[in-house]
Amino acid sequence: MSNLQIRKASRQDVKSIQDPPITQALFGTVRWAWVWLILRLYVGYE
């Protein structure tokens, strides 16, 4: 068996990764919800 060392991450070790701006615009806003609703209904129907 291998020896694994487990340690708690401090706040300095934790990195925040943000989505690209285009992804934030398409999936993070309510304005595009109707597009995704229509697309999901179309794909689900088939």
PDB file of N, CA and C in Angstrom:
ATOM      1  N   MET A   1       0.840  -1.186   0.000  1.00  0.00           N
ATOM      2  CA  MET A   1       0.000   0.000   0.000  1.00  0.00           C
ATOM      3  C   MET A   1       0.882   1.247   0.000  1.00  0.00           C
ATOM      4  N   SER A   2       0.377   2.288  -0.555  1.00  0.00           N
ATOM      5  CA  SER A   2       1.133   3.537  -0.565  1.00  0.00           C
ATOM      6  C   SER A   2       0.758   4.377   0.654  1.00  0.00           C
ATOM      7  N   ASN A   3       1.698   5.182   1.068  1.00  0.00           N
ATOM      8  CA  ASN A   3       1.440   6.087   2.186  1.00  0.00           C
ATOM      9  C   ASN A   3       0.936   7.415   1.628  1.00  0.00           C
ATOM     10  N   LEU A   4      -0.273   7.778   1.998  1.00  0.00           N
ATOM     11  CA  LEU A   4      -0.843   9.038   1.574  1.00  0.00           C
ATOM     12  C   LEU A   4      -0.881   9.985   2.759  1.00  0.00           C
ATOM     13  N   GLN A   5      -0.425  11.187   2.527  1.00  0.00           N
ATOM     14  CA  GLN A   5      -0.481  12.184   3.579  1.00  0.00           C
ATOM     15  C   GLN A   5      -1.650  13.120   3.284  1.00  0.00           C
ATOM     16  N   ILE A   6      -2.500  13.263   4.263  1.00  0.00           N
ATOM     17  CA  ILE A   6      -3.645  14.134   4.123  1.00  0.00           C
ATOM     18  C   ILE A   6      -3.429  15.337   5.024  1.00  0.00           C
ATOM     19  N   ARG A   7      -3.585  16.512   4.435  1.00  0.00           N
ATOM     20  CA  ARG A   7      -3.434  17.723   5.232  1.00  0.00           C
ATOM     21  C   ARG A   7      -4.576  18.659   4.907  1.00  0.00           C
ATOM     22  N   LYS A   8      -4.878  19.525   5.822  1.00  0.00           N
ATOM     23  CA  LYS A   8      -5.933  20.503   5.597  1.00  0.00           C
ATOM     24  C   LYS A   8      -5.361  21.665   4.802  1.00  0.00           C
ATOM     25  N   ALA A   9      -6.141  22.139   3.848  1.00  0.00           N
ATOM     26  CA  ALA A   9      -5.702  23.258   3.017  1.00  0.00           C
ATOM     27  C   ALA A   9      -5.960  24.567   3.753  1.00  0.00           C
ATOM     28  N   SER A  10      -4.994  25.418   3.728  1.00  0.00           N
ATOM     29  CA  SER A  10      -5.192  26.739   4.311  1.00  0.00           C
ATOM     30  C   SER A  10      -5.828  27.648   3.271  1.00  0.00           C
ATOM     31  N   ARG A  11      -6.249  28.809   3.685  1.00  0.00           N
ATOM     32  CA  ARG A  11      -6.884  29.750   2.751  1.00  0.00           C
ATOM     33  C   ARG A  11      -5.916  30.164   1.648  1.00  0.00           C
ATOM     34  N   GLN A  12      -4.659  30.151   1.906  1.00  0.00           N
ATOM     35  CA  GLN A  12      -3.673  30.536   0.904  1.00  0.00           C
ATOM     36  C   GLN A  12      -3.535  29.468  -0.175  1.00  0.00           C
ATOM     37  N   ASP A  13      -3.829  28.222   0.155  1.00  0.00           N
ATOM     38  CA  ASP A  13      -3.704  27.126  -0.804  1.00  0.00           C
ATOM     39  C   ASP A  13      -4.900  27.038  -1.758  1.00  0.00           C
ATOM     40  N   VAL A  14      -6.037  27.574  -1.368  1.00  0.00           N
ATOM     41  CA  VAL A  14      -7.259  27.440  -2.151  1.00  0.00           C
ATOM     42  C   VAL A  14      -7.284  28.511  -3.238  1.00  0.00           C
ATOM     43  N   LYS A  15      -7.471  28.079  -4.482  1.00  0.00           N
ATOM     44  CA  LYS A  15      -7.535  28.979  -5.625  1.00  0.00           C
ATOM     45  C   LYS A  15      -8.962  29.007  -6.161  1.00  0.00           C
ATOM     46  N   SER A  16      -9.410  30.151  -6.569  1.00  0.00           N
ATOM     47  CA  SER A  16     -10.735  30.306  -7.155  1.00  0.00           C
ATOM     48  C   SER A  16     -10.593  30.364  -8.677  1.00  0.00           C
ATOM     49  N   ILE A  17     -11.359  29.526  -9.357  1.00  0.00           N
ATOM     50  CA  ILE A  17     -11.323  29.489 -10.817  1.00  0.00           C
ATOM     51  C   ILE A  17     -12.650  30.041 -11.320  1.00  0.00           C
ATOM     52  N   GLN A  18     -12.582  31.081 -12.131  1.00  0.00           N
ATOM     53  CA  GLN A  18     -13.790  31.691 -12.659  1.00  0.00           C
ATOM     54  C   GLN A  18     -14.040  31.214 -14.088  1.00  0.00           C
ATOM     55  N   ASP A  19     -15.315  31.245 -14.455  1.00  0.00           N
ATOM     56  CA  ASP A  19     -15.694  30.883 -15.813  1.00  0.00           C
ATOM     57  C   ASP A  19     -15.295  31.985 -16.781  1.00  0.00           C
ATOM     58  N   PRO A  20     -15.081  31.631 -18.043  1.00  0.00           N
ATOM     59  CA  PRO A  20     -14.826  32.662 -19.057  1.00  0.00           C
ATOM     60  C   PRO A  20     -16.041  33.588 -19.193  1.00  0.00           C
ATOM     61  N   PRO A  21     -15.836  34.813 -19.640  1.00  0.00           N
ATOM     62  CA  PRO A  21     -16.948  35.769 -19.736  1.00  0.00           C
ATOM     63  C   PRO A  21     -18.109  35.298 -20.616  1.00  0.00           C
ATOM     64  N   ILE A  22     -17.821  34.615 -21.717  1.00  0.00           N
ATOM     65  CA  ILE A  22     -18.903  34.146 -22.591  1.00  0.00           C
ATOM     66  C   ILE A  22     -19.750  33.093 -21.876  1.00  0.00           C
ATOM     67  N   THR A  23     -19.115  32.246 -21.088  1.00  0.00           N
ATOM     68  CA  THR A  23     -19.843  31.232 -20.329  1.00  0.00           C
ATOM     69  C   THR A  23     -20.685  31.885 -19.247  1.00  0.00           C
ATOM     70  N   GLN A  24     -20.148  32.874 -18.585  1.00  0.00           N
ATOM     71  CA  GLN A  24     -20.915  33.602 -17.572  1.00  0.00           C
ATOM     72  C   GLN A  24     -22.128  34.269 -18.206  1.00  0.00           C
ATOM     73  N   ALA A  25     -21.968  34.829 -19.390  1.00  0.00           N
ATOM     74  CA  ALA A  25     -23.071  35.519 -20.054  1.00  0.00           C
ATOM     75  C   ALA A  25     -24.159  34.537 -20.493  1.00  0.00           C
ATOM     76  N   LEU A  26     -23.771  33.387 -21.037  1.00  0.00           N
ATOM     77  CA  LEU A  26     -24.762  32.445 -21.559  1.00  0.00           C
ATOM     78  C   LEU A  26     -25.473  31.652 -20.478  1.00  0.00           C
ATOM     79  N   PHE A  27     -24.746  31.197 -19.482  1.00  0.00           N
ATOM     80  CA  PHE A  27     -25.326  30.295 -18.481  1.00  0.00           C
ATOM     81  C   PHE A  27     -25.602  30.960 -17.141  1.00  0.00           C
ATOM     82  N   GLY A  28     -25.070  32.147 -16.923  1.00  0.00           N
ATOM     83  CA  GLY A  28     -25.214  32.774 -15.619  1.00  0.00           C
ATOM     84  C   GLY A  28     -26.241  33.877 -15.545  1.00  0.00           C
ATOM     85  N   THR A  29     -26.913  34.165 -16.648  1.00  0.00           N
ATOM     86  CA  THR A  29     -27.904  35.235 -16.632  1.00  0.00           C
ATOM     87  C   THR A  29     -29.280  34.692 -16.977  1.00  0.00           C
ATOM     88  N   VAL A  30     -30.289  35.395 -16.521  1.00  0.00           N
ATOM     89  CA  VAL A  30     -31.667  34.970 -16.755  1.00  0.00           C
ATOM     90  C   VAL A  30     -32.117  35.299 -18.175  1.00  0.00           C
ATOM     91  N   ARG A  31     -31.428  36.231 -18.826  1.00  0.00           N
ATOM     92  CA  ARG A  31     -31.821  36.634 -20.177  1.00  0.00           C
ATOM     93  C   ARG A  31     -31.801  35.466 -21.152  1.00  0.00           C
ATOM     94  N   TRP A  32     -30.885  34.537 -20.968  1.00  0.00           N
ATOM     95  CA  TRP A  32     -30.747  33.417 -21.902  1.00  0.00           C
ATOM     96  C   TRP A  32     -31.570  32.200 -21.495  1.00  0.00           C
ATOM     97  N   ALA A  33     -32.338  32.304 -20.423  1.00  0.00           N
ATOM     98  CA  ALA A  33     -33.094  31.148 -19.920  1.00  0.00           C
ATOM     99  C   ALA A  33     -34.097  30.643 -20.950  1.00  0.00           C
ATOM    100  N   TRP A  34     -34.740  31.539 -21.695  1.00  0.00           N
ATOM    101  CA  TRP A  34     -35.741  31.104 -22.673  1.00  0.00           C
ATOM    102  C   TRP A  34     -35.106  30.324 -23.813  1.00  0.00           C
ATOM    103  N   VAL A  35     -33.879  30.671 -24.174  1.00  0.00           N
ATOM    104  CA  VAL A  35     -33.179  29.931 -25.236  1.00  0.00           C
ATOM    105  C   VAL A  35     -32.899  28.511 -24.780  1.00  0.00           C
ATOM    106  N   TRP A  36     -32.403  28.375 -23.552  1.00  0.00           N
ATOM    107  CA  TRP A  36     -32.093  27.037 -23.037  1.00  0.00           C
ATOM    108  C   TRP A  36     -33.361  26.230 -22.807  1.00  0.00           C
ATOM    109  N   LEU A  37     -34.455  26.892 -22.439  1.00  0.00           N
ATOM    110  CA  LEU A  37     -35.726  26.184 -22.274  1.00  0.00           C
ATOM    111  C   LEU A  37     -36.197  25.598 -23.601  1.00  0.00           C
ATOM    112  N   ILE A  38     -36.174  26.403 -24.647  1.00  0.00           N
ATOM    113  CA  ILE A  38     -36.585  25.917 -25.968  1.00  0.00           C
ATOM    114  C   ILE A  38     -35.675  24.795 -26.444  1.00  0.00           C
ATOM    115  N   LEU A  39     -34.383  24.962 -26.263  1.00  0.00           N
ATOM    116  CA  LEU A  39     -33.429  23.930 -26.675  1.00  0.00           C
ATOM    117  C   LEU A  39     -33.637  22.631 -25.901  1.00  0.00           C
ATOM    118  N   ARG A  40     -33.853  22.729 -24.597  1.00  0.00           N
ATOM    119  CA  ARG A  40     -34.068  21.519 -23.781  1.00  0.00           C
ATOM    120  C   ARG A  40     -35.360  20.816 -24.158  1.00  0.00           C
ATOM    121  N   LEU A  41     -36.410  21.591 -24.424  1.00  0.00           N
ATOM    122  CA  LEU A  41     -37.678  20.976 -24.827  1.00  0.00           C
ATOM    123  C   LEU A  41     -37.539  20.299 -26.186  1.00  0.00           C
ATOM    124  N   TYR A  42     -36.823  20.917 -27.104  1.00  0.00           N
ATOM    125  CA  TYR A  42     -36.632  20.323 -28.431  1.00  0.00           C
ATOM    126  C   TYR A  42     -35.827  19.027 -28.338  1.00  0.00           C
ATOM    127  N   VAL A  43     -34.732  19.066 -27.598  1.00  0.00           N
ATOM    128  CA  VAL A  43     -33.887  17.870 -27.465  1.00  0.00           C
ATOM    129  C   VAL A  43     -34.610  16.780 -26.701  1.00  0.00           C
ATOM    130  N   GLY A  44     -35.376  17.148 -25.686  1.00  0.00           N
ATOM    131  CA  GLY A  44     -36.117  16.158 -24.907  1.00  0.00           C
ATOM    132  C   GLY A  44     -37.252  15.526 -25.684  1.00  0.00           C
ATOM    133  N   TYR A  45     -37.807  16.260 -26.640  1.00  0.00           N
ATOM    134  CA  TYR A  45     -38.905  15.751 -27.439  1.00  0.00           C
ATOM    135  C   TYR A  45     -38.449  14.671 -28.404  1.00  0.00           C
ATOM    136  N   GLU A  46     -37.220  14.797 -28.890  1.00  0.00           N
ATOM    137  CA  GLU A  46     -36.728  13.834 -29.872  1.00  0.00           C
ATOM    138  C   GLU A  46     -36.305  12.537 -29.292  1.00  0.00           C
TER     139      GLU A  46
END
